[in-house]
């Protein structure tokens, strides 16, 4: 090394302090992380599990059918059940404005209150009109409850918005009360088709992709934001908070409380299932029901007479 050259060795400050035996303040570590591009971040829910080879094809298929129905002026709805919520003075995620140093007191433990229980909000979202119907059930989330919620939407909002409707397209995830495998779901849809005269088609999303259902980010996310940090103290509070949910794009929500009993474990025989006028799509018929057609009234009458 030339004698007339000065060589400077750069030693990181943290290493220098550690070698010299001096304590390193915690703030120094935080500052170093921030300077090197790190920040505090929560985990991100992006892993959907196993991916079906026809996953994207199914999405394109559903999207095409939705646009076809909308162009023909026929109703399209996205349905699902929001997660169950405890009713009572329990902690609810999020923050709300309160006088400084005076947070609202809630229960320390999330034990179900027998007199209030839980609620299961079943949502029906109409993407064409950006409107929604939410049926807040106090009993079990069953296929009977799911179809009753769709029936409530049709009677309260659907038939007014679509007076000339002859068909109805439902998009849903493949599990829960509207499961693609549920016999009760299919027989209840048949009853709805008979009552309304509508030909009902159902498109279920591929396994592990329920979060892509429009109702999740067009309705449920806004409901959660609207009642953030507020205890769901009563059924009335829940219904009012849901009904007052809106967005900058003009979302309108109607809501009702449903106290009907929906028993679980209802068995549907093969004979009952055989009476469902169902047609499966050639493309993944396990996911897609091309239609559940209304049975002619004359046939219904004769069938009832033969079973009396």
Foldseek 3Di string as FASTA:
>chain_A
DDPPDDDDDDDDPVVVCVVVPHDDDPVVVVVVCVVVPDDDDDDDPDDLDDDDPCQVVLVVVVVVVVVVCVVVLAFEKEKDKDDKDAAAQAWFAAADDDPPPDADDGDPDPDHDVVAGIWIWIKIATVVVLEIEIEIEPEDQALLVNLVSVVVCCVPPVCVSRVPHQEYEYEAAQDTRCHLPDLSNLLSVQVVCQVPVHWYKYAHRPRRPRCPGVCNVSQVVQLSVQCHRPHNHHPVSSQVSSQPGADPVGRGYHYDYDHDYDDPDDDDDPVSSVPFQWDADPPPSSRITGTGGHDDPVVVVVVVVVVD
